[in-house]
Amino acid sequence: MANLLKSKTAAWCAFILILLVMIFTFGMREAWWTFIDVFFAFMMVFSQLMALYIEKLDVRACRKLQMCAAVFGVLTILALIGEYIAYQVLFK
Protein backbone atom coordinates (compact mmCIF):
# COMPACT_ATOMS: atom_id res chain seq x y z
CA MET A 1 0.00 0.00 0.00
CA ALA A 2 2.82 2.42 0.85
CA ASN A 3 4.44 1.78 -2.52
CA LEU A 4 1.15 2.61 -4.25
CA LEU A 5 0.92 5.92 -2.40
CA LYS A 6 4.48 6.80 -3.45
CA SER A 7 3.92 5.91 -7.11
CA LYS A 8 3.72 8.81 -9.54
CA THR A 9 2.26 6.48 -12.16
CA ALA A 10 -0.61 5.53 -9.85
CA ALA A 11 -1.20 9.19 -8.99
CA TRP A 12 -1.31 10.15 -12.67
CA CYS A 13 -3.71 7.28 -13.41
CA ALA A 14 -5.99 8.43 -10.58
CA PHE A 15 -5.79 12.02 -11.83
CA ILE A 16 -6.78 10.98 -15.35
CA LEU A 17 -9.56 8.78 -13.96
CA ILE A 18 -11.01 11.69 -11.97
CA LEU A 19 -10.86 13.93 -15.04
CA LEU A 20 -12.70 11.29 -17.09
CA VAL A 21 -15.34 10.94 -14.37
CA MET A 22 -15.84 14.71 -14.39
CA ILE A 23 -16.16 14.79 -18.17
CA PHE A 24 -18.48 11.82 -18.58
CA THR A 25 -20.79 12.60 -15.65
CA PHE A 26 -21.07 16.34 -16.28
CA GLY A 27 -24.38 16.05 -18.11
CA MET A 28 -25.92 13.78 -15.48
CA ARG A 29 -25.52 16.25 -12.63
CA GLU A 30 -28.49 18.60 -12.35
CA ALA A 31 -27.60 20.80 -9.37
CA TRP A 32 -24.40 22.53 -8.38
CA TRP A 33 -24.08 20.56 -5.14
CA THR A 34 -23.78 17.27 -7.04
CA PHE A 35 -20.23 18.23 -8.02
CA ILE A 36 -18.99 18.35 -4.42
CA ASP A 37 -17.80 14.75 -4.35
CA VAL A 38 -15.94 15.09 -7.64
CA PHE A 39 -14.32 18.32 -6.43
CA PHE A 40 -13.05 16.71 -3.24
CA ALA A 41 -11.81 13.66 -5.17
CA PHE A 42 -9.98 15.93 -7.64
CA MET A 43 -8.39 17.90 -4.82
CA MET A 44 -7.33 14.67 -3.09
CA VAL A 45 -5.61 13.32 -6.19
CA PHE A 46 -4.09 16.68 -7.12
CA SER A 47 -2.68 17.20 -3.61
CA GLN A 48 -1.14 13.73 -3.60
CA LEU A 49 0.33 14.23 -7.07
CA MET A 50 1.91 17.56 -6.10
CA ALA A 51 3.22 16.04 -2.86
CA LEU A 52 5.01 13.36 -4.84
CA TYR A 53 6.64 15.94 -7.09
CA ILE A 54 7.91 18.24 -4.31
CA GLU A 55 8.99 15.48 -1.93
CA LYS A 56 12.68 15.94 -2.72
CA LEU A 57 12.47 19.75 -2.48
CA ASP A 58 10.63 20.13 0.84
CA VAL A 59 9.69 17.19 3.01
CA ARG A 60 7.49 19.26 5.36
CA ALA A 61 5.44 20.65 2.49
CA CYS A 62 5.12 17.12 1.13
CA ARG A 63 3.75 15.88 4.46
CA LYS A 64 1.28 18.77 4.63
CA LEU A 65 0.04 18.08 1.12
CA GLN A 66 -0.33 14.39 1.96
CA MET A 67 -2.36 15.36 5.03
CA CYS A 68 -4.52 17.61 2.84
CA ALA A 69 -4.99 14.69 0.45
CA ALA A 70 -6.12 12.47 3.33
CA VAL A 71 -8.58 15.11 4.55
CA PHE A 72 -9.96 15.55 1.04
CA GLY A 73 -10.31 11.76 0.81
CA VAL A 74 -12.45 11.71 3.96
CA LEU A 75 -14.46 14.65 2.64
CA THR A 76 -14.99 12.78 -0.64
CA ILE A 77 -16.51 9.84 1.19
CA LEU A 78 -18.69 12.13 3.33
CA ALA A 79 -19.81 14.01 0.22
CA LEU A 80 -20.76 10.74 -1.51
CA ILE A 81 -22.83 9.72 1.51
CA GLY A 82 -24.39 13.17 1.74
CA GLU A 83 -25.30 13.23 -1.95
CA TYR A 84 -26.83 9.76 -1.70
CA ILE A 85 -28.99 10.86 1.23
CA ALA A 86 -29.95 14.09 -0.53
CA TYR A 87 -31.00 12.18 -3.66
CA GLN A 88 -33.10 9.82 -1.56
CA VAL A 89 -34.86 12.71 0.17
CA LEU A 90 -35.28 15.04 -2.81
CA PHE A 91 -36.06 12.65 -5.63
CA LYS A 92 -38.18 9.93 -4.00
PDB file of N, CA and C in Angstrom:
ATOM      1  N   MET A   1       0.818  -1.195   0.000  1.00  0.00           N
ATOM      2  CA  MET A   1       0.000   0.000   0.000  1.00  0.00           C
ATOM      3  C   MET A   1       0.866   1.265   0.000  1.00  0.00           C
ATOM      4  N   ALA A   2       1.941   1.242   0.788  1.00  0.00           N
ATOM      5  CA  ALA A   2       2.816   2.417   0.854  1.00  0.00           C
ATOM      6  C   ALA A   2       3.475   2.675  -0.495  1.00  0.00           C
ATOM      7  N   ASN A   3       3.828   1.606  -1.200  1.00  0.00           N
ATOM      8  CA  ASN A   3       4.435   1.781  -2.518  1.00  0.00           C
ATOM      9  C   ASN A   3       3.446   2.391  -3.499  1.00  0.00           C
ATOM     10  N   LEU A   4       2.174   2.045  -3.374  1.00  0.00           N
ATOM     11  CA  LEU A   4       1.152   2.606  -4.255  1.00  0.00           C
ATOM     12  C   LEU A   4       0.966   4.102  -3.990  1.00  0.00           C
ATOM     13  N   LEU A   5       1.052   4.509  -2.732  1.00  0.00           N
ATOM     14  CA  LEU A   5       0.919   5.923  -2.399  1.00  0.00           C
ATOM     15  C   LEU A   5       2.121   6.738  -2.850  1.00  0.00           C
ATOM     16  N   LYS A   6       3.270   6.107  -3.008  1.00  0.00           N
ATOM     17  CA  LYS A   6       4.482   6.795  -3.446  1.00  0.00           C
ATOM     18  C   LYS A   6       4.686   6.723  -4.957  1.00  0.00           C
ATOM     19  N   SER A   7       3.771   6.108  -5.671  1.00  0.00           N
ATOM     20  CA  SER A   7       3.925   5.907  -7.108  1.00  0.00           C
ATOM     21  C   SER A   7       3.343   7.088  -7.890  1.00  0.00           C
ATOM     22  N   LYS A   8       4.187   7.717  -8.684  1.00  0.00           N
ATOM     23  CA  LYS A   8       3.722   8.813  -9.536  1.00  0.00           C
ATOM     24  C   LYS A   8       2.818   8.284 -10.643  1.00  0.00           C
ATOM     25  N   THR A   9       3.091   7.081 -11.116  1.00  0.00           N
ATOM     26  CA  THR A   9       2.256   6.483 -12.159  1.00  0.00           C
ATOM     27  C   THR A   9       0.839   6.260 -11.650  1.00  0.00           C
ATOM     28  N   ALA A  10       0.714   5.750 -10.431  1.00  0.00           N
ATOM     29  CA  ALA A  10      -0.613   5.529  -9.846  1.00  0.00           C
ATOM     30  C   ALA A  10      -1.334   6.858  -9.625  1.00  0.00           C
ATOM     31  N   ALA A  11      -0.590   7.873  -9.206  1.00  0.00           N
ATOM     32  CA  ALA A  11      -1.197   9.189  -8.987  1.00  0.00           C
ATOM     33  C   ALA A  11      -1.682   9.788 -10.311  1.00  0.00           C
ATOM     34  N   TRP A  12      -0.888   9.636 -11.359  1.00  0.00           N
ATOM     35  CA  TRP A  12      -1.315  10.151 -12.670  1.00  0.00           C
ATOM     36  C   TRP A  12      -2.533   9.390 -13.194  1.00  0.00           C
ATOM     37  N   CYS A  13      -2.547   8.072 -12.982  1.00  0.00           N
ATOM     38  CA  CYS A  13      -3.715   7.276 -13.410  1.00  0.00           C
ATOM     39  C   CYS A  13      -4.969   7.714 -12.665  1.00  0.00           C
ATOM     40  N   ALA A  14      -4.842   7.957 -11.365  1.00  0.00           N
ATOM     41  CA  ALA A  14      -5.988   8.426 -10.578  1.00  0.00           C
ATOM     42  C   ALA A  14      -6.428   9.812 -11.036  1.00  0.00           C
ATOM     43  N   PHE A  15      -5.472  10.671 -11.351  1.00  0.00           N
ATOM     44  CA  PHE A  15      -5.789  12.016 -11.833  1.00  0.00           C
ATOM     45  C   PHE A  15      -6.565  11.960 -13.150  1.00  0.00           C
ATOM     46  N   ILE A  16      -6.090  11.133 -14.060  1.00  0.00           N
ATOM     47  CA  ILE A  16      -6.776  10.983 -15.351  1.00  0.00           C
ATOM     48  C   ILE A  16      -8.156  10.374 -15.159  1.00  0.00           C
ATOM     49  N   LEU A  17      -8.267   9.408 -14.246  1.00  0.00           N
ATOM     50  CA  LEU A  17      -9.559   8.784 -13.962  1.00  0.00           C
ATOM     51  C   LEU A  17     -10.564   9.797 -13.422  1.00  0.00           C
ATOM     52  N   ILE A  18     -10.125  10.660 -12.519  1.00  0.00           N
ATOM     53  CA  ILE A  18     -11.015  11.693 -11.970  1.00  0.00           C
ATOM     54  C   ILE A  18     -11.429  12.670 -13.062  1.00  0.00           C
ATOM     55  N   LEU A  19     -10.504  13.046 -13.935  1.00  0.00           N
ATOM     56  CA  LEU A  19     -10.859  13.934 -15.042  1.00  0.00           C
ATOM     57  C   LEU A  19     -11.885  13.279 -15.963  1.00  0.00           C
ATOM     58  N   LEU A  20     -11.729  12.004 -16.244  1.00  0.00           N
ATOM     59  CA  LEU A  20     -12.697  11.291 -17.088  1.00  0.00           C
ATOM     60  C   LEU A  20     -14.066  11.202 -16.408  1.00  0.00           C
ATOM     61  N   VAL A  21     -14.062  10.972 -15.107  1.00  0.00           N
ATOM     62  CA  VAL A  21     -15.337  10.940 -14.369  1.00  0.00           C
ATOM     63  C   VAL A  21     -16.018  12.296 -14.446  1.00  0.00           C
ATOM     64  N   MET A  22     -15.251  13.371 -14.300  1.00  0.00           N
ATOM     65  CA  MET A  22     -15.838  14.711 -14.393  1.00  0.00           C
ATOM     66  C   MET A  22     -16.419  14.962 -15.781  1.00  0.00           C
ATOM     67  N   ILE A  23     -15.708  14.541 -16.802  1.00  0.00           N
ATOM     68  CA  ILE A  23     -16.157  14.788 -18.175  1.00  0.00           C
ATOM     69  C   ILE A  23     -17.404  13.981 -18.502  1.00  0.00           C
ATOM     70  N   PHE A  24     -17.375  12.688 -18.167  1.00  0.00           N
ATOM     71  CA  PHE A  24     -18.475  11.823 -18.582  1.00  0.00           C
ATOM     72  C   PHE A  24     -19.722  11.941 -17.713  1.00  0.00           C
ATOM     73  N   THR A  25     -19.608  12.452 -16.497  1.00  0.00           N
ATOM     74  CA  THR A  25     -20.791  12.599 -15.652  1.00  0.00           C
ATOM     75  C   THR A  25     -21.290  14.039 -15.578  1.00  0.00           C
ATOM     76  N   PHE A  26     -20.680  14.929 -16.340  1.00  0.00           N
ATOM     77  CA  PHE A  26     -21.068  16.340 -16.278  1.00  0.00           C
ATOM     78  C   PHE A  26     -22.538  16.538 -16.640  1.00  0.00           C
ATOM     79  N   GLY A  27     -23.003  15.878 -17.672  1.00  0.00           N
ATOM     80  CA  GLY A  27     -24.385  16.050 -18.112  1.00  0.00           C
ATOM     81  C   GLY A  27     -25.407  15.410 -17.196  1.00  0.00           C
ATOM     82  N   MET A  28     -24.993  14.474 -16.366  1.00  0.00           N
ATOM     83  CA  MET A  28     -25.923  13.782 -15.478  1.00  0.00           C
ATOM     84  C   MET A  28     -26.167  14.527 -14.167  1.00  0.00           C
ATOM     85  N   ARG A  29     -25.398  15.525 -13.898  1.00  0.00           N
ATOM     86  CA  ARG A  29     -25.520  16.253 -12.629  1.00  0.00           C
ATOM     87  C   ARG A  29     -26.387  17.488 -12.847  1.00  0.00           C
ATOM     88  N   GLU A  30     -27.526  17.516 -12.137  1.00  0.00           N
ATOM     89  CA  GLU A  30     -28.486  18.601 -12.347  1.00  0.00           C
ATOM     90  C   GLU A  30     -28.162  19.843 -11.532  1.00  0.00           C
ATOM     91  N   ALA A  31     -27.796  19.664 -10.278  1.00  0.00           N
ATOM     92  CA  ALA A  31     -27.599  20.802  -9.373  1.00  0.00           C
ATOM     93  C   ALA A  31     -26.109  21.018  -9.113  1.00  0.00           C
ATOM     94  N   TRP A  32     -25.794  22.196  -8.636  1.00  0.00           N
ATOM     95  CA  TRP A  32     -24.396  22.533  -8.377  1.00  0.00           C
ATOM     96  C   TRP A  32     -23.806  21.673  -7.271  1.00  0.00           C
ATOM     97  N   TRP A  33     -24.606  21.294  -6.286  1.00  0.00           N
ATOM     98  CA  TRP A  33     -24.082  20.559  -5.144  1.00  0.00           C
ATOM     99  C   TRP A  33     -23.737  19.107  -5.483  1.00  0.00           C
ATOM    100  N   THR A  34     -24.118  18.639  -6.660  1.00  0.00           N
ATOM    101  CA  THR A  34     -23.781  17.270  -7.040  1.00  0.00           C
ATOM    102  C   THR A  34     -22.328  17.142  -7.513  1.00  0.00           C
ATOM    103  N   PHE A  35     -21.631  18.255  -7.627  1.00  0.00           N
ATOM    104  CA  PHE A  35     -20.227  18.235  -8.024  1.00  0.00           C
ATOM    105  C   PHE A  35     -19.284  18.221  -6.821  1.00  0.00           C
ATOM    106  N   ILE A  36     -19.820  18.252  -5.619  1.00  0.00           N
ATOM    107  CA  ILE A  36     -18.987  18.350  -4.423  1.00  0.00           C
ATOM    108  C   ILE A  36     -18.085  17.129  -4.277  1.00  0.00           C
ATOM    109  N   ASP A  37     -18.620  15.945  -4.497  1.00  0.00           N
ATOM    110  CA  ASP A  37     -17.802  14.746  -4.346  1.00  0.00           C
ATOM    111  C   ASP A  37     -16.678  14.691  -5.378  1.00  0.00           C
ATOM    112  N   VAL A  38     -16.969  15.103  -6.596  1.00  0.00           N
ATOM    113  CA  VAL A  38     -15.941  15.093  -7.640  1.00  0.00           C
ATOM    114  C   VAL A  38     -14.878  16.149  -7.339  1.00  0.00           C
ATOM    115  N   PHE A  39     -15.289  17.279  -6.802  1.00  0.00           N
ATOM    116  CA  PHE A  39     -14.323  18.317  -6.431  1.00  0.00           C
ATOM    117  C   PHE A  39     -13.363  17.820  -5.359  1.00  0.00           C
ATOM    118  N   PHE A  40     -13.912  17.212  -4.309  1.00  0.00           N
ATOM    119  CA  PHE A  40     -13.051  16.709  -3.237  1.00  0.00           C
ATOM    120  C   PHE A  40     -12.137  15.593  -3.738  1.00  0.00           C
ATOM    121  N   ALA A  41     -12.637  14.728  -4.614  1.00  0.00           N
ATOM    122  CA  ALA A  41     -11.806  13.660  -5.168  1.00  0.00           C
ATOM    123  C   ALA A  41     -10.686  14.253  -6.025  1.00  0.00           C
ATOM    124  N   PHE A  42     -11.003  15.266  -6.824  1.00  0.00           N
ATOM    125  CA  PHE A  42      -9.984  15.932  -7.638  1.00  0.00           C
ATOM    126  C   PHE A  42      -8.918  16.563  -6.749  1.00  0.00           C
ATOM    127  N   MET A  43      -9.349  17.252  -5.707  1.00  0.00           N
ATOM    128  CA  MET A  43      -8.387  17.896  -4.817  1.00  0.00           C
ATOM    129  C   MET A  43      -7.521  16.876  -4.089  1.00  0.00           C
ATOM    130  N   MET A  44      -8.101  15.724  -3.743  1.00  0.00           N
ATOM    131  CA  MET A  44      -7.334  14.669  -3.093  1.00  0.00           C
ATOM    132  C   MET A  44      -6.215  14.170  -4.019  1.00  0.00           C
ATOM    133  N   VAL A  45      -6.580  13.850  -5.239  1.00  0.00           N
ATOM    134  CA  VAL A  45      -5.606  13.316  -6.187  1.00  0.00           C
ATOM    135  C   VAL A  45      -4.572  14.378  -6.562  1.00  0.00           C
ATOM    136  N   PHE A  46      -5.009  15.605  -6.764  1.00  0.00           N
ATOM    137  CA  PHE A  46      -4.093  16.680  -7.121  1.00  0.00           C
ATOM    138  C   PHE A  46      -3.095  16.954  -5.993  1.00  0.00           C
ATOM    139  N   SER A  47      -3.570  16.972  -4.752  1.00  0.00           N
ATOM    140  CA  SER A  47      -2.676  17.199  -3.609  1.00  0.00           C
ATOM    141  C   SER A  47      -1.643  16.086  -3.491  1.00  0.00           C
ATOM    142  N   GLN A  48      -2.076  14.849  -3.671  1.00  0.00           N
ATOM    143  CA  GLN A  48      -1.137  13.730  -3.600  1.00  0.00           C
ATOM    144  C   GLN A  48      -0.115  13.794  -4.734  1.00  0.00           C
ATOM    145  N   LEU A  49      -0.574  14.135  -5.924  1.00  0.00           N
ATOM    146  CA  LEU A  49       0.334  14.234  -7.070  1.00  0.00           C
ATOM    147  C   LEU A  49       1.379  15.326  -6.851  1.00  0.00           C
ATOM    148  N   MET A  50       0.960  16.478  -6.368  1.00  0.00           N
ATOM    149  CA  MET A  50       1.907  17.556  -6.104  1.00  0.00           C
ATOM    150  C   MET A  50       2.850  17.196  -4.959  1.00  0.00           C
ATOM    151  N   ALA A  51       2.357  16.472  -3.959  1.00  0.00           N
ATOM    152  CA  ALA A  51       3.221  16.040  -2.856  1.00  0.00           C
ATOM    153  C   ALA A  51       4.325  15.126  -3.365  1.00  0.00           C
ATOM    154  N   LEU A  52       3.997  14.260  -4.292  1.00  0.00           N
ATOM    155  CA  LEU A  52       5.013  13.361  -4.840  1.00  0.00           C
ATOM    156  C   LEU A  52       6.075  14.120  -5.623  1.00  0.00           C
ATOM    157  N   TYR A  53       5.680  15.195  -6.287  1.00  0.00           N
ATOM    158  CA  TYR A  53       6.645  15.944  -7.089  1.00  0.00           C
ATOM    159  C   TYR A  53       7.536  16.870  -6.263  1.00  0.00           C
ATOM    160  N   ILE A  54       7.071  17.330  -5.108  1.00  0.00           N
ATOM    161  CA  ILE A  54       7.905  18.236  -4.312  1.00  0.00           C
ATOM    162  C   ILE A  54       8.567  17.537  -3.135  1.00  0.00           C
ATOM    163  N   GLU A  55       8.445  16.217  -3.068  1.00  0.00           N
ATOM    164  CA  GLU A  55       8.992  15.481  -1.927  1.00  0.00           C
ATOM    165  C   GLU A  55      10.486  15.718  -1.748  1.00  0.00           C
ATOM    166  N   LYS A  56      11.234  15.753  -2.817  1.00  0.00           N
ATOM    167  CA  LYS A  56      12.685  15.939  -2.716  1.00  0.00           C
ATOM    168  C   LYS A  56      13.055  17.397  -2.410  1.00  0.00           C
ATOM    169  N   LEU A  57      12.176  18.330  -2.724  1.00  0.00           N
ATOM    170  CA  LEU A  57      12.469  19.745  -2.478  1.00  0.00           C
ATOM    171  C   LEU A  57      12.187  20.143  -1.031  1.00  0.00           C
ATOM    172  N   ASP A  58      11.037  19.733  -0.510  1.00  0.00           N
ATOM    173  CA  ASP A  58      10.634  20.133   0.836  1.00  0.00           C
ATOM    174  C   ASP A  58       9.783  19.030   1.452  1.00  0.00           C
ATOM    175  N   VAL A  59      10.371  18.338   2.405  1.00  0.00           N
ATOM    176  CA  VAL A  59       9.685  17.190   3.014  1.00  0.00           C
ATOM    177  C   VAL A  59       8.486  17.643   3.854  1.00  0.00           C
ATOM    178  N   ARG A  60       8.619  18.777   4.537  1.00  0.00           N
ATOM    179  CA  ARG A  60       7.494  19.257   5.358  1.00  0.00           C
ATOM    180  C   ARG A  60       6.294  19.630   4.500  1.00  0.00           C
ATOM    181  N   ALA A  61       6.541  20.293   3.393  1.00  0.00           N
ATOM    182  CA  ALA A  61       5.436  20.648   2.490  1.00  0.00           C
ATOM    183  C   ALA A  61       4.804  19.392   1.907  1.00  0.00           C
ATOM    184  N   CYS A  62       5.632  18.395   1.631  1.00  0.00           N
ATOM    185  CA  CYS A  62       5.120  17.121   1.125  1.00  0.00           C
ATOM    186  C   CYS A  62       4.187  16.482   2.139  1.00  0.00           C
ATOM    187  N   ARG A  63       4.584  16.469   3.403  1.00  0.00           N
ATOM    188  CA  ARG A  63       3.745  15.885   4.457  1.00  0.00           C
ATOM    189  C   ARG A  63       2.428  16.648   4.608  1.00  0.00           C
ATOM    190  N   LYS A  64       2.502  17.977   4.514  1.00  0.00           N
ATOM    191  CA  LYS A  64       1.280  18.773   4.634  1.00  0.00           C
ATOM    192  C   LYS A  64       0.332  18.504   3.468  1.00  0.00           C
ATOM    193  N   LEU A  65       0.878  18.387   2.276  1.00  0.00           N
ATOM    194  CA  LEU A  65       0.042  18.082   1.122  1.00  0.00           C
ATOM    195  C   LEU A  65      -0.557  16.678   1.224  1.00  0.00           C
ATOM    196  N   GLN A  66       0.209  15.736   1.764  1.00  0.00           N
ATOM    197  CA  GLN A  66      -0.333  14.388   1.958  1.00  0.00           C
ATOM    198  C   GLN A  66      -1.435  14.392   3.010  1.00  0.00           C
ATOM    199  N   MET A  67      -1.296  15.232   4.033  1.00  0.00           N
ATOM    200  CA  MET A  67      -2.360  15.358   5.034  1.00  0.00           C
ATOM    201  C   MET A  67      -3.596  15.994   4.413  1.00  0.00           C
ATOM    202  N   CYS A  68      -3.390  16.998   3.565  1.00  0.00           N
ATOM    203  CA  CYS A  68      -4.516  17.605   2.842  1.00  0.00           C
ATOM    204  C   CYS A  68      -5.208  16.579   1.958  1.00  0.00           C
ATOM    205  N   ALA A  69      -4.421  15.736   1.293  1.00  0.00           N
ATOM    206  CA  ALA A  69      -4.995  14.694   0.445  1.00  0.00           C
ATOM    207  C   ALA A  69      -5.828  13.723   1.275  1.00  0.00           C
ATOM    208  N   ALA A  70      -5.354  13.379   2.463  1.00  0.00           N
ATOM    209  CA  ALA A  70      -6.117  12.473   3.331  1.00  0.00           C
ATOM    210  C   ALA A  70      -7.423  13.117   3.786  1.00  0.00           C
ATOM    211  N   VAL A  71      -7.359  14.400   4.136  1.00  0.00           N
ATOM    212  CA  VAL A  71      -8.577  15.111   4.552  1.00  0.00           C
ATOM    213  C   VAL A  71      -9.568  15.194   3.395  1.00  0.00           C
ATOM    214  N   PHE A  72      -9.079  15.503   2.204  1.00  0.00           N
ATOM    215  CA  PHE A  72      -9.960  15.547   1.039  1.00  0.00           C
ATOM    216  C   PHE A  72     -10.533  14.167   0.724  1.00  0.00           C
ATOM    217  N   GLY A  73      -9.792  13.110   1.000  1.00  0.00           N
ATOM    218  CA  GLY A  73     -10.313  11.757   0.811  1.00  0.00           C
ATOM    219  C   GLY A  73     -11.481  11.474   1.735  1.00  0.00           C
ATOM    220  N   VAL A  74     -11.345  11.878   2.993  1.00  0.00           N
ATOM    221  CA  VAL A  74     -12.448  11.709   3.955  1.00  0.00           C
ATOM    222  C   VAL A  74     -13.644  12.558   3.536  1.00  0.00           C
ATOM    223  N   LEU A  75     -13.376  13.778   3.101  1.00  0.00           N
ATOM    224  CA  LEU A  75     -14.464  14.650   2.644  1.00  0.00           C
ATOM    225  C   LEU A  75     -15.147  14.096   1.393  1.00  0.00           C
ATOM    226  N   THR A  76     -14.396  13.414   0.537  1.00  0.00           N
ATOM    227  CA  THR A  76     -14.990  12.777  -0.641  1.00  0.00           C
ATOM    228  C   THR A  76     -15.993  11.719  -0.224  1.00  0.00           C
ATOM    229  N   ILE A  77     -15.606  10.896   0.722  1.00  0.00           N
ATOM    230  CA  ILE A  77     -16.510   9.842   1.189  1.00  0.00           C
ATOM    231  C   ILE A  77     -17.739  10.446   1.858  1.00  0.00           C
ATOM    232  N   LEU A  78     -17.550  11.467   2.686  1.00  0.00           N
ATOM    233  CA  LEU A  78     -18.690  12.131   3.330  1.00  0.00           C
ATOM    234  C   LEU A  78     -19.596  12.793   2.303  1.00  0.00           C
ATOM    235  N   ALA A  79     -19.010  13.374   1.266  1.00  0.00           N
ATOM    236  CA  ALA A  79     -19.810  14.006   0.215  1.00  0.00           C
ATOM    237  C   ALA A  79     -20.615  12.968  -0.560  1.00  0.00           C
ATOM    238  N   LEU A  80     -20.016  11.817  -0.828  1.00  0.00           N
ATOM    239  CA  LEU A  80     -20.759  10.742  -1.506  1.00  0.00           C
ATOM    240  C   LEU A  80     -21.949  10.287  -0.675  1.00  0.00           C
ATOM    241  N   ILE A  81     -21.736  10.122   0.620  1.00  0.00           N
ATOM    242  CA  ILE A  81     -22.830   9.724   1.509  1.00  0.00           C
ATOM    243  C   ILE A  81     -23.892  10.811   1.566  1.00  0.00           C
ATOM    244  N   GLY A  82     -23.451  12.059   1.689  1.00  0.00           N
ATOM    245  CA  GLY A  82     -24.394  13.175   1.742  1.00  0.00           C
ATOM    246  C   GLY A  82     -25.203  13.320   0.460  1.00  0.00           C
ATOM    247  N   GLU A  83     -24.566  13.139  -0.684  1.00  0.00           N
ATOM    248  CA  GLU A  83     -25.295  13.225  -1.949  1.00  0.00           C
ATOM    249  C   GLU A  83     -26.283  12.078  -2.091  1.00  0.00           C
ATOM    250  N   TYR A  84     -25.909  10.892  -1.639  1.00  0.00           N
ATOM    251  CA  TYR A  84     -26.828   9.764  -1.699  1.00  0.00           C
ATOM    252  C   TYR A  84     -28.070  10.039  -0.848  1.00  0.00           C
ATOM    253  N   ILE A  85     -27.854  10.548   0.355  1.00  0.00           N
ATOM    254  CA  ILE A  85     -28.990  10.856   1.228  1.00  0.00           C
ATOM    255  C   ILE A  85     -29.835  11.966   0.621  1.00  0.00           C
ATOM    256  N   ALA A  86     -29.196  12.993   0.077  1.00  0.00           N
ATOM    257  CA  ALA A  86     -29.945  14.094  -0.533  1.00  0.00           C
ATOM    258  C   ALA A  86     -30.780  13.619  -1.718  1.00  0.00           C
ATOM    259  N   TYR A  87     -30.227  12.730  -2.540  1.00  0.00           N
ATOM    260  CA  TYR A  87     -30.997  12.181  -3.658  1.00  0.00           C
ATOM    261  C   TYR A  87     -32.182  11.382  -3.158  1.00  0.00           C
ATOM    262  N   GLN A  88     -32.003  10.634  -2.095  1.00  0.00           N
ATOM    263  CA  GLN A  88     -33.100   9.823  -1.560  1.00  0.00           C
ATOM    264  C   GLN A  88     -34.220  10.712  -1.025  1.00  0.00           C
ATOM    265  N   VAL A  89     -33.855  11.814  -0.401  1.00  0.00           N
ATOM    266  CA  VAL A  89     -34.856  12.709   0.169  1.00  0.00           C
ATOM    267  C   VAL A  89     -35.520  13.554  -0.911  1.00  0.00           C
ATOM    268  N   LEU A  90     -34.740  14.097  -1.836  1.00  0.00           N
ATOM    269  CA  LEU A  90     -35.277  15.040  -2.806  1.00  0.00           C
ATOM    270  C   LEU A  90     -35.986  14.382  -3.974  1.00  0.00           C
ATOM    271  N   PHE A  91     -35.536  13.226  -4.388  1.00  0.00           N
ATOM    272  CA  PHE A  91     -36.062  12.648  -5.634  1.00  0.00           C
ATOM    273  C   PHE A  91     -36.857  11.375  -5.427  1.00  0.00           C
ATOM    274  N   LYS A  92     -37.322  11.094  -4.239  1.00  0.00           N
ATOM    275  CA  LYS A  92     -38.177   9.926  -4.005  1.00  0.00           C
ATOM    276  C   LYS A  92     -39.540  10.336  -3.582  1.00  0.00           C
TER     277      LYS A  92
END
